[in-house]
Amino acid sequence: MGDGTTVTCHGPGTPYAKSRGKAMSPDCGHLYVRPSSEQPGGRFKGTATVTWTVTWTAPALNDGGQLTETRASEFTADVREVQVVN
């Protein structure tokens, strides 16, 4: 996640719904606990990786197999801190 944390999610996750607002994901997410201002370029730098495994069969041909595909994309996250005085 760029802050020294690794998050592993299993399954497709929960689709975003506007009604959830800014609530955390119910099944997989990450909360940054400090701002990114002290990082090079002022942003956290991380990598998102996804792996698909497909198992297929072709009974008429008495054939089948498994295919695994992995893709990775780098990202940056600008995390800011807001302080409110009441």
N, C-alpha and C. Protein backbone atom coordinates (compact mmCIF):
# COMPACT_ATOMS: atom_id res chain seq x y z
N MET A 1 0.82 -1.20 0.00
CA MET A 1 0.00 0.00 0.00
C MET A 1 0.86 1.27 0.00
N GLY A 2 2.17 1.08 0.03
CA GLY A 2 3.07 2.21 0.00
C GLY A 2 3.49 2.71 1.37
N ASP A 3 2.80 2.22 2.41
CA ASP A 3 3.14 2.64 3.78
C ASP A 3 3.73 1.49 4.58
N GLY A 4 4.19 0.45 3.90
CA GLY A 4 4.77 -0.71 4.56
C GLY A 4 3.76 -1.79 4.87
N THR A 5 2.52 -1.60 4.48
CA THR A 5 1.45 -2.56 4.74
C THR A 5 1.13 -3.34 3.48
N THR A 6 0.81 -4.62 3.64
CA THR A 6 0.33 -5.45 2.55
C THR A 6 -1.10 -5.88 2.88
N VAL A 7 -1.98 -5.76 1.92
CA VAL A 7 -3.38 -6.18 2.09
C VAL A 7 -3.65 -7.28 1.08
N THR A 8 -4.17 -8.40 1.53
CA THR A 8 -4.55 -9.49 0.65
C THR A 8 -6.05 -9.69 0.74
N CYS A 9 -6.72 -9.59 -0.38
CA CYS A 9 -8.18 -9.76 -0.43
C CYS A 9 -8.48 -11.05 -1.17
N HIS A 10 -9.48 -11.77 -0.69
CA HIS A 10 -9.90 -13.01 -1.34
C HIS A 10 -11.33 -12.83 -1.83
N GLY A 11 -11.57 -13.15 -3.07
CA GLY A 11 -12.90 -12.99 -3.63
C GLY A 11 -13.03 -11.66 -4.34
N PRO A 12 -14.21 -11.40 -4.89
CA PRO A 12 -14.40 -10.22 -5.73
C PRO A 12 -14.55 -8.91 -4.97
N GLY A 13 -14.76 -8.95 -3.67
CA GLY A 13 -14.97 -7.72 -2.91
C GLY A 13 -16.42 -7.27 -3.00
N THR A 14 -16.69 -6.11 -2.42
CA THR A 14 -18.04 -5.56 -2.41
C THR A 14 -18.10 -4.37 -3.36
N PRO A 15 -19.00 -4.38 -4.32
CA PRO A 15 -19.11 -3.23 -5.23
C PRO A 15 -19.45 -1.96 -4.46
N TYR A 16 -18.89 -0.85 -4.90
CA TYR A 16 -19.18 0.43 -4.25
C TYR A 16 -20.61 0.84 -4.50
N ALA A 17 -21.26 1.33 -3.47
CA ALA A 17 -22.60 1.89 -3.57
C ALA A 17 -22.56 3.27 -2.94
N LYS A 18 -23.11 4.26 -3.61
CA LYS A 18 -23.09 5.63 -3.13
C LYS A 18 -23.66 5.73 -1.71
N SER A 19 -24.60 4.88 -1.37
CA SER A 19 -25.24 4.90 -0.05
C SER A 19 -24.25 4.57 1.07
N ARG A 20 -23.13 3.94 0.75
CA ARG A 20 -22.12 3.61 1.77
C ARG A 20 -21.28 4.81 2.15
N GLY A 21 -21.32 5.86 1.31
CA GLY A 21 -20.54 7.06 1.61
C GLY A 21 -19.05 6.73 1.67
N LYS A 22 -18.40 7.16 2.74
CA LYS A 22 -16.96 6.95 2.89
C LYS A 22 -16.66 5.82 3.88
N ALA A 23 -17.65 4.95 4.12
CA ALA A 23 -17.46 3.83 5.04
C ALA A 23 -16.42 2.86 4.50
N MET A 24 -15.70 2.20 5.42
CA MET A 24 -14.71 1.19 5.04
C MET A 24 -15.39 0.02 4.33
N SER A 25 -14.62 -0.64 3.48
CA SER A 25 -15.11 -1.84 2.82
C SER A 25 -15.44 -2.89 3.88
N PRO A 26 -16.56 -3.60 3.73
CA PRO A 26 -16.91 -4.60 4.73
C PRO A 26 -16.07 -5.88 4.63
N ASP A 27 -15.35 -6.08 3.52
CA ASP A 27 -14.61 -7.33 3.38
C ASP A 27 -13.14 -7.17 3.03
N CYS A 28 -12.71 -6.01 2.57
CA CYS A 28 -11.30 -5.83 2.24
C CYS A 28 -11.01 -4.36 2.01
N GLY A 29 -10.08 -3.82 2.75
CA GLY A 29 -9.75 -2.41 2.58
C GLY A 29 -8.49 -2.07 3.34
N HIS A 30 -8.14 -0.80 3.31
CA HIS A 30 -6.94 -0.32 3.99
C HIS A 30 -7.18 1.10 4.48
N LEU A 31 -6.75 1.38 5.70
CA LEU A 31 -6.86 2.72 6.27
C LEU A 31 -5.45 3.26 6.49
N TYR A 32 -5.12 4.34 5.82
CA TYR A 32 -3.84 4.99 6.05
C TYR A 32 -3.91 5.74 7.37
N VAL A 33 -2.91 5.54 8.23
CA VAL A 33 -2.94 6.15 9.56
C VAL A 33 -2.04 7.37 9.67
N ARG A 34 -1.33 7.69 8.60
CA ARG A 34 -0.51 8.91 8.60
C ARG A 34 -0.54 9.51 7.20
N PRO A 35 -0.31 10.81 7.10
CA PRO A 35 -0.33 11.44 5.78
C PRO A 35 0.89 11.07 4.94
N SER A 36 0.77 11.27 3.65
CA SER A 36 1.85 10.93 2.73
C SER A 36 2.83 12.08 2.52
N SER A 37 2.64 13.19 3.20
CA SER A 37 3.46 14.39 2.97
C SER A 37 4.95 14.17 3.19
N GLU A 38 5.34 13.20 4.01
CA GLU A 38 6.76 12.95 4.27
C GLU A 38 7.37 11.96 3.28
N GLN A 39 6.58 11.44 2.37
CA GLN A 39 7.06 10.49 1.37
C GLN A 39 7.68 11.25 0.19
N PRO A 40 8.57 10.61 -0.55
CA PRO A 40 9.10 11.25 -1.76
C PRO A 40 7.96 11.63 -2.71
N GLY A 41 7.93 12.87 -3.15
CA GLY A 41 6.85 13.32 -4.03
C GLY A 41 5.55 13.56 -3.31
N GLY A 42 5.53 13.38 -1.98
CA GLY A 42 4.32 13.63 -1.21
C GLY A 42 3.22 12.60 -1.39
N ARG A 43 3.54 11.43 -1.91
CA ARG A 43 2.53 10.40 -2.16
C ARG A 43 3.08 9.04 -1.76
N PHE A 44 2.19 8.17 -1.29
CA PHE A 44 2.55 6.77 -1.07
C PHE A 44 2.60 6.09 -2.43
N LYS A 45 3.59 5.23 -2.65
CA LYS A 45 3.70 4.49 -3.90
C LYS A 45 3.53 3.01 -3.62
N GLY A 46 2.61 2.38 -4.29
CA GLY A 46 2.35 0.96 -4.07
C GLY A 46 2.08 0.23 -5.37
N THR A 47 1.78 -1.03 -5.24
CA THR A 47 1.47 -1.87 -6.39
C THR A 47 0.21 -2.68 -6.09
N ALA A 48 -0.73 -2.66 -7.01
CA ALA A 48 -1.93 -3.49 -6.91
C ALA A 48 -1.72 -4.70 -7.83
N THR A 49 -1.87 -5.88 -7.28
CA THR A 49 -1.66 -7.11 -8.05
C THR A 49 -2.92 -7.96 -7.97
N VAL A 50 -3.33 -8.50 -9.09
CA VAL A 50 -4.49 -9.39 -9.13
C VAL A 50 -4.08 -10.68 -9.82
N THR A 51 -4.59 -11.80 -9.31
CA THR A 51 -4.33 -13.11 -9.90
C THR A 51 -5.65 -13.81 -10.15
N TRP A 52 -5.84 -14.25 -11.38
CA TRP A 52 -7.02 -15.04 -11.75
C TRP A 52 -6.56 -16.46 -12.01
N THR A 53 -7.32 -17.42 -11.49
CA THR A 53 -7.09 -18.82 -11.82
C THR A 53 -8.39 -19.36 -12.41
N VAL A 54 -8.29 -19.88 -13.63
CA VAL A 54 -9.45 -20.41 -14.34
C VAL A 54 -9.25 -21.90 -14.54
N THR A 55 -10.24 -22.66 -14.10
CA THR A 55 -10.22 -24.10 -14.36
C THR A 55 -11.29 -24.38 -15.41
N TRP A 56 -10.90 -25.06 -16.48
CA TRP A 56 -11.83 -25.32 -17.57
C TRP A 56 -11.88 -26.81 -17.89
N THR A 57 -13.04 -27.21 -18.41
CA THR A 57 -13.20 -28.60 -18.85
C THR A 57 -13.92 -28.63 -20.19
N ALA A 58 -13.58 -29.62 -20.96
CA ALA A 58 -14.25 -29.88 -22.23
C ALA A 58 -14.53 -31.39 -22.26
N PRO A 59 -15.61 -31.82 -21.59
CA PRO A 59 -15.89 -33.25 -21.46
C PRO A 59 -16.01 -33.98 -22.81
N ALA A 60 -16.56 -33.32 -23.81
CA ALA A 60 -16.72 -33.97 -25.12
C ALA A 60 -15.37 -34.32 -25.73
N LEU A 61 -14.35 -33.56 -25.35
CA LEU A 61 -13.01 -33.80 -25.87
C LEU A 61 -12.12 -34.52 -24.86
N ASN A 62 -12.71 -34.83 -23.69
CA ASN A 62 -11.96 -35.45 -22.61
C ASN A 62 -10.70 -34.62 -22.29
N ASP A 63 -10.94 -33.29 -22.17
CA ASP A 63 -9.82 -32.37 -21.98
C ASP A 63 -10.18 -31.35 -20.90
N GLY A 64 -9.21 -30.66 -20.44
CA GLY A 64 -9.41 -29.62 -19.43
C GLY A 64 -8.07 -29.12 -18.96
N GLY A 65 -8.11 -28.20 -18.06
CA GLY A 65 -6.86 -27.67 -17.54
C GLY A 65 -7.08 -26.47 -16.65
N GLN A 66 -5.99 -25.82 -16.35
CA GLN A 66 -6.05 -24.66 -15.47
C GLN A 66 -5.11 -23.58 -16.03
N LEU A 67 -5.57 -22.35 -15.98
CA LEU A 67 -4.81 -21.21 -16.46
C LEU A 67 -4.74 -20.18 -15.34
N THR A 68 -3.55 -19.69 -15.05
CA THR A 68 -3.38 -18.64 -14.04
C THR A 68 -2.75 -17.43 -14.70
N GLU A 69 -3.35 -16.28 -14.45
CA GLU A 69 -2.87 -15.01 -15.01
C GLU A 69 -2.70 -14.01 -13.88
N THR A 70 -1.56 -13.32 -13.85
CA THR A 70 -1.28 -12.31 -12.83
C THR A 70 -0.97 -10.99 -13.52
N ARG A 71 -1.58 -9.92 -13.02
CA ARG A 71 -1.33 -8.57 -13.54
C ARG A 71 -1.03 -7.65 -12.36
N ALA A 72 -0.15 -6.68 -12.58
CA ALA A 72 0.21 -5.72 -11.53
C ALA A 72 0.21 -4.31 -12.10
N SER A 73 -0.25 -3.36 -11.31
CA SER A 73 -0.25 -1.95 -11.69
C SER A 73 0.26 -1.12 -10.52
N GLU A 74 1.16 -0.21 -10.81
CA GLU A 74 1.65 0.68 -9.76
C GLU A 74 0.64 1.81 -9.56
N PHE A 75 0.57 2.33 -8.33
CA PHE A 75 -0.33 3.44 -8.04
C PHE A 75 0.35 4.38 -7.04
N THR A 76 -0.17 5.59 -6.94
CA THR A 76 0.24 6.51 -5.89
C THR A 76 -1.01 6.97 -5.16
N ALA A 77 -0.84 7.30 -3.89
CA ALA A 77 -1.97 7.77 -3.08
C ALA A 77 -1.56 9.02 -2.31
N ASP A 78 -2.28 10.09 -2.53
CA ASP A 78 -2.07 11.35 -1.82
C ASP A 78 -2.97 11.32 -0.59
N VAL A 79 -2.37 11.13 0.58
CA VAL A 79 -3.14 11.01 1.83
C VAL A 79 -2.86 12.24 2.67
N ARG A 80 -3.91 12.97 3.00
CA ARG A 80 -3.75 14.20 3.77
C ARG A 80 -4.40 14.09 5.13
N GLU A 81 -3.95 14.94 6.00
CA GLU A 81 -4.48 14.96 7.37
C GLU A 81 -5.32 16.22 7.54
N VAL A 82 -6.47 16.05 8.17
CA VAL A 82 -7.34 17.17 8.45
C VAL A 82 -7.53 17.26 9.95
N GLN A 83 -7.25 18.43 10.50
CA GLN A 83 -7.44 18.65 11.93
C GLN A 83 -8.55 19.68 12.11
N VAL A 84 -9.46 19.36 12.99
CA VAL A 84 -10.60 20.24 13.24
C VAL A 84 -10.56 20.69 14.69
N VAL A 85 -10.70 21.97 14.91
CA VAL A 85 -10.74 22.52 16.26
C VAL A 85 -12.18 22.95 16.51
N ASN A 86 -12.73 22.48 17.61
CA ASN A 86 -14.10 22.79 17.93
C ASN A 86 -14.16 23.86 18.97
